[in-house]
Amino acid sequence: MNDTIQVNLFGSLGKERVQYSELPSPLTLDTPTPLADVLERLEISVNRVQLVMVNHRAVKGNATIHPGDRVALFPREYPIFVDWNSYRL
């Protein structure tokens, strides 16, 4: 079983979290974990994130991240499609 997730940080999030600047960056995750806990491990405030995509699909803030997932985090300043407005954190 794959015990990592692949994290992609875009815009200012990638610039601030230098250890995750290489895309995608692995993060060990042994069990399904709430998105809020993943953000905490990455030391990223939920207030800094506008949109989260898991496995290429927009998710809501109460999403659970599973080992093997691909996670993309987009900061507040990043433009998003209007279709994703209901997915803003």
PDB file of N, CA and C in Angstrom:
ATOM      1  N   MET A   1       0.841  -1.188   0.000  1.00  0.00           N
ATOM      2  CA  MET A   1       0.000   0.000   0.000  1.00  0.00           C
ATOM      3  C   MET A   1       0.882   1.246   0.000  1.00  0.00           C
ATOM      4  N   ASN A   2       0.521   2.218  -0.804  1.00  0.00           N
ATOM      5  CA  ASN A   2       1.244   3.478  -0.881  1.00  0.00           C
ATOM      6  C   ASN A   2       0.900   4.318   0.346  1.00  0.00           C
ATOM      7  N   ASP A   3       1.884   4.651   1.163  1.00  0.00           N
ATOM      8  CA  ASP A   3       1.617   5.418   2.378  1.00  0.00           C
ATOM      9  C   ASP A   3       1.996   6.887   2.239  1.00  0.00           C
ATOM     10  N   THR A   4       1.989   7.398   1.026  1.00  0.00           N
ATOM     11  CA  THR A   4       2.285   8.808   0.813  1.00  0.00           C
ATOM     12  C   THR A   4       1.183   9.449  -0.021  1.00  0.00           C
ATOM     13  N   ILE A   5       1.111  10.759   0.080  1.00  0.00           N
ATOM     14  CA  ILE A   5       0.300  11.537  -0.844  1.00  0.00           C
ATOM     15  C   ILE A   5       1.261  12.415  -1.623  1.00  0.00           C
ATOM     16  N   GLN A   6       0.855  12.831  -2.789  1.00  0.00           N
ATOM     17  CA  GLN A   6       1.642  13.750  -3.597  1.00  0.00           C
ATOM     18  C   GLN A   6       1.033  15.135  -3.444  1.00  0.00           C
ATOM     19  N   VAL A   7       1.817  16.099  -2.995  1.00  0.00           N
ATOM     20  CA  VAL A   7       1.333  17.449  -2.713  1.00  0.00           C
ATOM     21  C   VAL A   7       1.885  18.412  -3.761  1.00  0.00           C
ATOM     22  N   ASN A   8       0.992  19.209  -4.331  1.00  0.00           N
ATOM     23  CA  ASN A   8       1.371  20.272  -5.260  1.00  0.00           C
ATOM     24  C   ASN A   8       0.905  21.598  -4.670  1.00  0.00           C
ATOM     25  N   LEU A   9       1.846  22.487  -4.400  1.00  0.00           N
ATOM     26  CA  LEU A   9       1.520  23.814  -3.873  1.00  0.00           C
ATOM     27  C   LEU A   9       1.727  24.832  -4.982  1.00  0.00           C
ATOM     28  N   PHE A  10       0.734  25.659  -5.206  1.00  0.00           N
ATOM     29  CA  PHE A  10       0.814  26.631  -6.287  1.00  0.00           C
ATOM     30  C   PHE A  10       0.896  28.050  -5.740  1.00  0.00           C
ATOM     31  N   GLY A  11       1.389  28.967  -6.587  1.00  0.00           N
ATOM     32  CA  GLY A  11       1.477  30.380  -6.232  1.00  0.00           C
ATOM     33  C   GLY A  11       2.314  30.613  -4.993  1.00  0.00           C
ATOM     34  N   SER A  12       1.831  31.501  -4.142  1.00  0.00           N
ATOM     35  CA  SER A  12       2.584  31.881  -2.950  1.00  0.00           C
ATOM     36  C   SER A  12       2.755  30.725  -1.969  1.00  0.00           C
ATOM     37  N   LEU A  13       1.856  29.746  -1.994  1.00  0.00           N
ATOM     38  CA  LEU A  13       2.004  28.606  -1.078  1.00  0.00           C
ATOM     39  C   LEU A  13       3.300  27.850  -1.367  1.00  0.00           C
ATOM     40  N   GLY A  14       3.610  27.646  -2.625  1.00  0.00           N
ATOM     41  CA  GLY A  14       4.837  26.954  -3.007  1.00  0.00           C
ATOM     42  C   GLY A  14       6.078  27.753  -2.679  1.00  0.00           C
ATOM     43  N   LYS A  15       5.979  29.073  -2.803  1.00  0.00           N
ATOM     44  CA  LYS A  15       7.132  29.928  -2.499  1.00  0.00           C
ATOM     45  C   LYS A  15       7.419  29.969  -1.005  1.00  0.00           C
ATOM     46  N   GLU A  16       6.372  29.885  -0.189  1.00  0.00           N
ATOM     47  CA  GLU A  16       6.545  29.952   1.263  1.00  0.00           C
ATOM     48  C   GLU A  16       7.001  28.626   1.857  1.00  0.00           C
ATOM     49  N   ARG A  17       6.596  27.533   1.296  1.00  0.00           N
ATOM     50  CA  ARG A  17       6.914  26.200   1.821  1.00  0.00           C
ATOM     51  C   ARG A  17       8.014  25.598   0.963  1.00  0.00           C
ATOM     52  N   VAL A  18       9.213  26.078   1.116  1.00  0.00           N
ATOM     53  CA  VAL A  18      10.343  25.708   0.269  1.00  0.00           C
ATOM     54  C   VAL A  18      10.561  24.195   0.239  1.00  0.00           C
ATOM     55  N   GLN A  19      10.362  23.505   1.349  1.00  0.00           N
ATOM     56  CA  GLN A  19      10.592  22.064   1.374  1.00  0.00           C
ATOM     57  C   GLN A  19       9.613  21.308   0.478  1.00  0.00           C
ATOM     58  N   TYR A  20       8.529  21.974   0.055  1.00  0.00           N
ATOM     59  CA  TYR A  20       7.564  21.347  -0.848  1.00  0.00           C
ATOM     60  C   TYR A  20       7.568  22.012  -2.219  1.00  0.00           C
ATOM     61  N   SER A  21       8.640  22.706  -2.555  1.00  0.00           N
ATOM     62  CA  SER A  21       8.675  23.466  -3.804  1.00  0.00           C
ATOM     63  C   SER A  21       8.827  22.576  -5.032  1.00  0.00           C
ATOM     64  N   GLU A  22       9.372  21.380  -4.863  1.00  0.00           N
ATOM     65  CA  GLU A  22       9.473  20.459  -5.996  1.00  0.00           C
ATOM     66  C   GLU A  22       8.110  19.791  -6.188  1.00  0.00           C
ATOM     67  N   LEU A  23       7.587  19.878  -7.397  1.00  0.00           N
ATOM     68  CA  LEU A  23       6.242  19.348  -7.654  1.00  0.00           C
ATOM     69  C   LEU A  23       6.307  18.000  -8.335  1.00  0.00           C
ATOM     70  N   PRO A  24       5.512  17.045  -7.933  1.00  0.00           N
ATOM     71  CA  PRO A  24       4.827  16.989  -6.643  1.00  0.00           C
ATOM     72  C   PRO A  24       5.785  16.547  -5.552  1.00  0.00           C
ATOM     73  N   SER A  25       5.464  16.923  -4.329  1.00  0.00           N
ATOM     74  CA  SER A  25       6.275  16.546  -3.173  1.00  0.00           C
ATOM     75  C   SER A  25       5.551  15.470  -2.383  1.00  0.00           C
ATOM     76  N   PRO A  26       6.278  14.436  -1.957  1.00  0.00           N
ATOM     77  CA  PRO A  26       5.627  13.388  -1.171  1.00  0.00           C
ATOM     78  C   PRO A  26       5.443  13.803   0.292  1.00  0.00           C
ATOM     79  N   LEU A  27       4.362  13.334   0.890  1.00  0.00           N
ATOM     80  CA  LEU A  27       4.098  13.529   2.306  1.00  0.00           C
ATOM     81  C   LEU A  27       3.548  12.211   2.830  1.00  0.00           C
ATOM     82  N   THR A  28       4.167  11.665   3.866  1.00  0.00           N
ATOM     83  CA  THR A  28       3.736  10.383   4.418  1.00  0.00           C
ATOM     84  C   THR A  28       2.372  10.536   5.081  1.00  0.00           C
ATOM     85  N   LEU A  29       1.484   9.611   4.750  1.00  0.00           N
ATOM     86  CA  LEU A  29       0.129   9.604   5.304  1.00  0.00           C
ATOM     87  C   LEU A  29      -0.285   8.150   5.455  1.00  0.00           C
ATOM     88  N   ASP A  30      -0.326   7.666   6.675  1.00  0.00           N
ATOM     89  CA  ASP A  30      -0.588   6.252   6.927  1.00  0.00           C
ATOM     90  C   ASP A  30      -2.063   5.872   6.891  1.00  0.00           C
ATOM     91  N   THR A  31      -2.939   6.796   7.242  1.00  0.00           N
ATOM     92  CA  THR A  31      -4.368   6.505   7.316  1.00  0.00           C
ATOM     93  C   THR A  31      -5.147   7.643   6.672  1.00  0.00           C
ATOM     94  N   PRO A  32      -6.420   7.420   6.335  1.00  0.00           N
ATOM     95  CA  PRO A  32      -7.243   8.536   5.859  1.00  0.00           C
ATOM     96  C   PRO A  32      -7.234   9.660   6.893  1.00  0.00           C
ATOM     97  N   THR A  33      -7.039  10.876   6.408  1.00  0.00           N
ATOM     98  CA  THR A  33      -6.812  12.022   7.292  1.00  0.00           C
ATOM     99  C   THR A  33      -7.638  13.211   6.821  1.00  0.00           C
ATOM    100  N   PRO A  34      -8.293  13.926   7.754  1.00  0.00           N
ATOM    101  CA  PRO A  34      -9.035  15.127   7.361  1.00  0.00           C
ATOM    102  C   PRO A  34      -8.111  16.157   6.696  1.00  0.00           C
ATOM    103  N   LEU A  35      -8.647  16.858   5.732  1.00  0.00           N
ATOM    104  CA  LEU A  35      -7.886  17.890   5.028  1.00  0.00           C
ATOM    105  C   LEU A  35      -7.279  18.887   6.009  1.00  0.00           C
ATOM    106  N   ALA A  36      -8.024  19.287   7.024  1.00  0.00           N
ATOM    107  CA  ALA A  36      -7.511  20.261   7.996  1.00  0.00           C
ATOM    108  C   ALA A  36      -6.231  19.756   8.661  1.00  0.00           C
ATOM    109  N   ASP A  37      -6.158  18.454   8.942  1.00  0.00           N
ATOM    110  CA  ASP A  37      -4.961  17.890   9.556  1.00  0.00           C
ATOM    111  C   ASP A  37      -3.781  17.863   8.588  1.00  0.00           C
ATOM    112  N   VAL A  38      -4.069  17.615   7.311  1.00  0.00           N
ATOM    113  CA  VAL A  38      -3.008  17.645   6.297  1.00  0.00           C
ATOM    114  C   VAL A  38      -2.458  19.061   6.186  1.00  0.00           C
ATOM    115  N   LEU A  39      -3.339  20.067   6.153  1.00  0.00           N
ATOM    116  CA  LEU A  39      -2.883  21.461   6.089  1.00  0.00           C
ATOM    117  C   LEU A  39      -2.039  21.808   7.311  1.00  0.00           C
ATOM    118  N   GLU A  40      -2.453  21.322   8.471  1.00  0.00           N
ATOM    119  CA  GLU A  40      -1.677  21.579   9.690  1.00  0.00           C
ATOM    120  C   GLU A  40      -0.286  20.968   9.593  1.00  0.00           C
ATOM    121  N   ARG A  41      -0.186  19.750   9.085  1.00  0.00           N
ATOM    122  CA  ARG A  41       1.132  19.113   8.916  1.00  0.00           C
ATOM    123  C   ARG A  41       2.006  19.890   7.940  1.00  0.00           C
ATOM    124  N   LEU A  42       1.379  20.494   6.942  1.00  0.00           N
ATOM    125  CA  LEU A  42       2.115  21.299   5.967  1.00  0.00           C
ATOM    126  C   LEU A  42       2.401  22.705   6.486  1.00  0.00           C
ATOM    127  N   GLU A  43       1.861  23.023   7.671  1.00  0.00           N
ATOM    128  CA  GLU A  43       1.985  24.344   8.284  1.00  0.00           C
ATOM    129  C   GLU A  43       1.403  25.432   7.381  1.00  0.00           C
ATOM    130  N   ILE A  44       0.218  25.126   6.840  1.00  0.00           N
ATOM    131  CA  ILE A  44      -0.496  26.068   5.984  1.00  0.00           C
ATOM    132  C   ILE A  44      -1.843  26.356   6.619  1.00  0.00           C
ATOM    133  N   SER A  45      -2.129  27.626   6.871  1.00  0.00           N
ATOM    134  CA  SER A  45      -3.409  28.032   7.437  1.00  0.00           C
ATOM    135  C   SER A  45      -4.513  27.833   6.404  1.00  0.00           C
ATOM    136  N   VAL A  46      -5.647  27.321   6.859  1.00  0.00           N
ATOM    137  CA  VAL A  46      -6.780  27.138   5.953  1.00  0.00           C
ATOM    138  C   VAL A  46      -7.197  28.472   5.333  1.00  0.00           C
ATOM    139  N   ASN A  47      -6.932  29.577   6.008  1.00  0.00           N
ATOM    140  CA  ASN A  47      -7.268  30.903   5.490  1.00  0.00           C
ATOM    141  C   ASN A  47      -6.431  31.295   4.280  1.00  0.00           C
ATOM    142  N   ARG A  48      -5.335  30.613   4.059  1.00  0.00           N
ATOM    143  CA  ARG A  48      -4.458  30.906   2.916  1.00  0.00           C
ATOM    144  C   ARG A  48      -4.866  30.142   1.663  1.00  0.00           C
ATOM    145  N   VAL A  49      -5.732  29.136   1.828  1.00  0.00           N
ATOM    146  CA  VAL A  49      -6.082  28.247   0.720  1.00  0.00           C
ATOM    147  C   VAL A  49      -7.455  28.615   0.168  1.00  0.00           C
ATOM    148  N   GLN A  50      -7.520  28.743  -1.147  1.00  0.00           N
ATOM    149  CA  GLN A  50      -8.782  29.048  -1.807  1.00  0.00           C
ATOM    150  C   GLN A  50      -9.459  27.791  -2.350  1.00  0.00           C
ATOM    151  N   LEU A  51      -8.650  26.897  -2.916  1.00  0.00           N
ATOM    152  CA  LEU A  51      -9.198  25.723  -3.583  1.00  0.00           C
ATOM    153  C   LEU A  51      -8.277  24.541  -3.348  1.00  0.00           C
ATOM    154  N   VAL A  52      -8.889  23.382  -3.107  1.00  0.00           N
ATOM    155  CA  VAL A  52      -8.145  22.129  -2.956  1.00  0.00           C
ATOM    156  C   VAL A  52      -8.676  21.150  -3.981  1.00  0.00           C
ATOM    157  N   MET A  53      -7.767  20.517  -4.691  1.00  0.00           N
ATOM    158  CA  MET A  53      -8.154  19.465  -5.627  1.00  0.00           C
ATOM    159  C   MET A  53      -7.479  18.173  -5.173  1.00  0.00           C
ATOM    160  N   VAL A  54      -8.262  17.100  -5.161  1.00  0.00           N
ATOM    161  CA  VAL A  54      -7.753  15.784  -4.806  1.00  0.00           C
ATOM    162  C   VAL A  54      -8.005  14.875  -6.001  1.00  0.00           C
ATOM    163  N   ASN A  55      -6.936  14.303  -6.506  1.00  0.00           N
ATOM    164  CA  ASN A  55      -7.026  13.432  -7.684  1.00  0.00           C
ATOM    165  C   ASN A  55      -7.732  14.141  -8.839  1.00  0.00           C
ATOM    166  N   HIS A  56      -7.362  15.406  -9.032  1.00  0.00           N
ATOM    167  CA  HIS A  56      -7.831  16.231 -10.150  1.00  0.00           C
ATOM    168  C   HIS A  56      -9.291  16.658 -10.041  1.00  0.00           C
ATOM    169  N   ARG A  57      -9.873  16.587  -8.844  1.00  0.00           N
ATOM    170  CA  ARG A  57     -11.257  17.032  -8.633  1.00  0.00           C
ATOM    171  C   ARG A  57     -11.300  17.989  -7.452  1.00  0.00           C
ATOM    172  N   ALA A  58     -12.053  19.082  -7.619  1.00  0.00           N
ATOM    173  CA  ALA A  58     -12.214  20.030  -6.523  1.00  0.00           C
ATOM    174  C   ALA A  58     -12.965  19.362  -5.378  1.00  0.00           C
ATOM    175  N   VAL A  59     -12.520  19.645  -4.143  1.00  0.00           N
ATOM    176  CA  VAL A  59     -13.159  19.082  -2.954  1.00  0.00           C
ATOM    177  C   VAL A  59     -13.500  20.202  -1.977  1.00  0.00           C
ATOM    178  N   LYS A  60     -14.427  19.905  -1.091  1.00  0.00           N
ATOM    179  CA  LYS A  60     -14.811  20.867  -0.052  1.00  0.00           C
ATOM    180  C   LYS A  60     -13.861  20.751   1.132  1.00  0.00           C
ATOM    181  N   GLY A  61     -13.954  21.702   2.044  1.00  0.00           N
ATOM    182  CA  GLY A  61     -13.051  21.776   3.180  1.00  0.00           C
ATOM    183  C   GLY A  61     -13.130  20.621   4.153  1.00  0.00           C
ATOM    184  N   ASN A  62     -14.217  19.858   4.115  1.00  0.00           N
ATOM    185  CA  ASN A  62     -14.345  18.730   5.032  1.00  0.00           C
ATOM    186  C   ASN A  62     -13.878  17.416   4.407  1.00  0.00           C
ATOM    187  N   ALA A  63     -13.133  17.495   3.321  1.00  0.00           N
ATOM    188  CA  ALA A  63     -12.657  16.303   2.602  1.00  0.00           C
ATOM    189  C   ALA A  63     -11.694  15.487   3.461  1.00  0.00           C
ATOM    190  N   THR A  64     -11.651  14.193   3.158  1.00  0.00           N
ATOM    191  CA  THR A  64     -10.691  13.288   3.783  1.00  0.00           C
ATOM    192  C   THR A  64      -9.670  12.904   2.726  1.00  0.00           C
ATOM    193  N   ILE A  65      -8.399  12.993   3.088  1.00  0.00           N
ATOM    194  CA  ILE A  65      -7.309  12.663   2.180  1.00  0.00           C
ATOM    195  C   ILE A  65      -6.840  11.252   2.506  1.00  0.00           C
ATOM    196  N   HIS A  66      -6.687  10.426   1.483  1.00  0.00           N
ATOM    197  CA  HIS A  66      -6.297   9.028   1.656  1.00  0.00           C
ATOM    198  C   HIS A  66      -4.870   8.797   1.149  1.00  0.00           C
ATOM    199  N   PRO A  67      -4.160   7.835   1.746  1.00  0.00           N
ATOM    200  CA  PRO A  67      -2.841   7.483   1.220  1.00  0.00           C
ATOM    201  C   PRO A  67      -2.953   7.174  -0.274  1.00  0.00           C
ATOM    202  N   GLY A  68      -2.009   7.688  -1.045  1.00  0.00           N
ATOM    203  CA  GLY A  68      -2.021   7.497  -2.492  1.00  0.00           C
ATOM    204  C   GLY A  68      -2.668   8.645  -3.256  1.00  0.00           C
ATOM    205  N   ASP A  69      -3.362   9.554  -2.568  1.00  0.00           N
ATOM    206  CA  ASP A  69      -4.016  10.678  -3.240  1.00  0.00           C
ATOM    207  C   ASP A  69      -2.998  11.689  -3.763  1.00  0.00           C
ATOM    208  N   ARG A  70      -3.439  12.442  -4.767  1.00  0.00           N
ATOM    209  CA  ARG A  70      -2.695  13.595  -5.281  1.00  0.00           C
ATOM    210  C   ARG A  70      -3.458  14.830  -4.848  1.00  0.00           C
ATOM    211  N   VAL A  71      -2.795  15.736  -4.145  1.00  0.00           N
ATOM    212  CA  VAL A  71      -3.435  16.917  -3.588  1.00  0.00           C
ATOM    213  C   VAL A  71      -2.810  18.168  -4.194  1.00  0.00           C
ATOM    214  N   ALA A  72      -3.648  19.074  -4.672  1.00  0.00           N
ATOM    215  CA  ALA A  72      -3.186  20.363  -5.198  1.00  0.00           C
ATOM    216  C   ALA A  72      -3.835  21.466  -4.371  1.00  0.00           C
ATOM    217  N   LEU A  73      -3.011  22.387  -3.874  1.00  0.00           N
ATOM    218  CA  LEU A  73      -3.489  23.496  -3.055  1.00  0.00           C
ATOM    219  C   LEU A  73      -3.243  24.807  -3.787  1.00  0.00           C
ATOM    220  N   PHE A  74      -4.304  25.611  -3.902  1.00  0.00           N
ATOM    221  CA  PHE A  74      -4.228  26.894  -4.593  1.00  0.00           C
ATOM    222  C   PHE A  74      -4.492  28.012  -3.590  1.00  0.00           C
ATOM    223  N   PRO A  75      -3.625  29.044  -3.547  1.00  0.00           N
ATOM    224  CA  PRO A  75      -3.773  30.132  -2.588  1.00  0.00           C
ATOM    225  C   PRO A  75      -4.915  31.075  -2.952  1.00  0.00           C
ATOM    226  N   ARG A  76      -5.269  31.950  -2.021  1.00  0.00           N
ATOM    227  CA  ARG A  76      -6.364  32.908  -2.210  1.00  0.00           C
ATOM    228  C   ARG A  76      -6.186  33.775  -3.460  1.00  0.00           C
ATOM    229  N   GLU A  77      -4.959  34.132  -3.778  1.00  0.00           N
ATOM    230  CA  GLU A  77      -4.757  35.055  -4.913  1.00  0.00           C
ATOM    231  C   GLU A  77      -4.848  34.353  -6.265  1.00  0.00           C
ATOM    232  N   TYR A  78      -4.928  33.041  -6.263  1.00  0.00           N
ATOM    233  CA  TYR A  78      -4.936  32.276  -7.510  1.00  0.00           C
ATOM    234  C   TYR A  78      -6.317  32.347  -8.159  1.00  0.00           C
ATOM    235  N   PRO A  79      -6.403  32.666  -9.439  1.00  0.00           N
ATOM    236  CA  PRO A  79      -7.725  32.710 -10.084  1.00  0.00           C
ATOM    237  C   PRO A  79      -8.280  31.295 -10.245  1.00  0.00           C
ATOM    238  N   ILE A  80      -9.596  31.157 -10.032  1.00  0.00           N
ATOM    239  CA  ILE A  80     -10.232  29.858 -10.218  1.00  0.00           C
ATOM    240  C   ILE A  80     -11.453  30.022 -11.104  1.00  0.00           C
ATOM    241  N   PHE A  81     -11.893  28.922 -11.700  1.00  0.00           N
ATOM    242  CA  PHE A  81     -13.084  28.954 -12.539  1.00  0.00           C
ATOM    243  C   PHE A  81     -14.324  29.176 -11.683  1.00  0.00           C
ATOM    244  N   VAL A  82     -15.287  29.871 -12.233  1.00  0.00           N
ATOM    245  CA  VAL A  82     -16.518  30.164 -11.512  1.00  0.00           C
ATOM    246  C   VAL A  82     -17.243  28.868 -11.115  1.00  0.00           C
ATOM    247  N   ASP A  83     -17.068  27.801 -11.866  1.00  0.00           N
ATOM    248  CA  ASP A  83     -17.702  26.509 -11.528  1.00  0.00           C
ATOM    249  C   ASP A  83     -17.261  26.008 -10.168  1.00  0.00           C
ATOM    250  N   TRP A  84     -16.109  26.452  -9.707  1.00  0.00           N
ATOM    251  CA  TRP A  84     -15.532  25.943  -8.461  1.00  0.00           C
ATOM    252  C   TRP A  84     -15.850  26.847  -7.263  1.00  0.00           C
ATOM    253  N   ASN A  85     -16.675  27.877  -7.461  1.00  0.00           N
ATOM    254  CA  ASN A  85     -16.979  28.800  -6.353  1.00  0.00           C
ATOM    255  C   ASN A  85     -17.535  28.081  -5.138  1.00  0.00           C
ATOM    256  N   SER A  86     -18.339  27.048  -5.347  1.00  0.00           N
ATOM    257  CA  SER A  86     -18.916  26.335  -4.207  1.00  0.00           C
ATOM    258  C   SER A  86     -17.883  25.476  -3.480  1.00  0.00           C
ATOM    259  N   TYR A  87     -16.681  25.356  -4.054  1.00  0.00           N
ATOM    260  CA  TYR A  87     -15.613  24.574  -3.430  1.00  0.00           C
ATOM    261  C   TYR A  87     -14.600  25.459  -2.706  1.00  0.00           C
ATOM    262  N   ARG A  88     -14.795  26.767  -2.718  1.00  0.00           N
ATOM    263  CA  ARG A  88     -13.856  27.653  -2.005  1.00  0.00           C
ATOM    264  C   ARG A  88     -13.852  27.299  -0.529  1.00  0.00           C
ATOM    265  N   LEU A  89     -12.669  27.325   0.070  1.00  0.00           N
ATOM    266  CA  LEU A  89     -12.581  27.035   1.511  1.00  0.00           C
ATOM    267  C   LEU A  89     -12.928  28.263   2.304  1.00  0.00           C
TER     268      LEU A  89
END
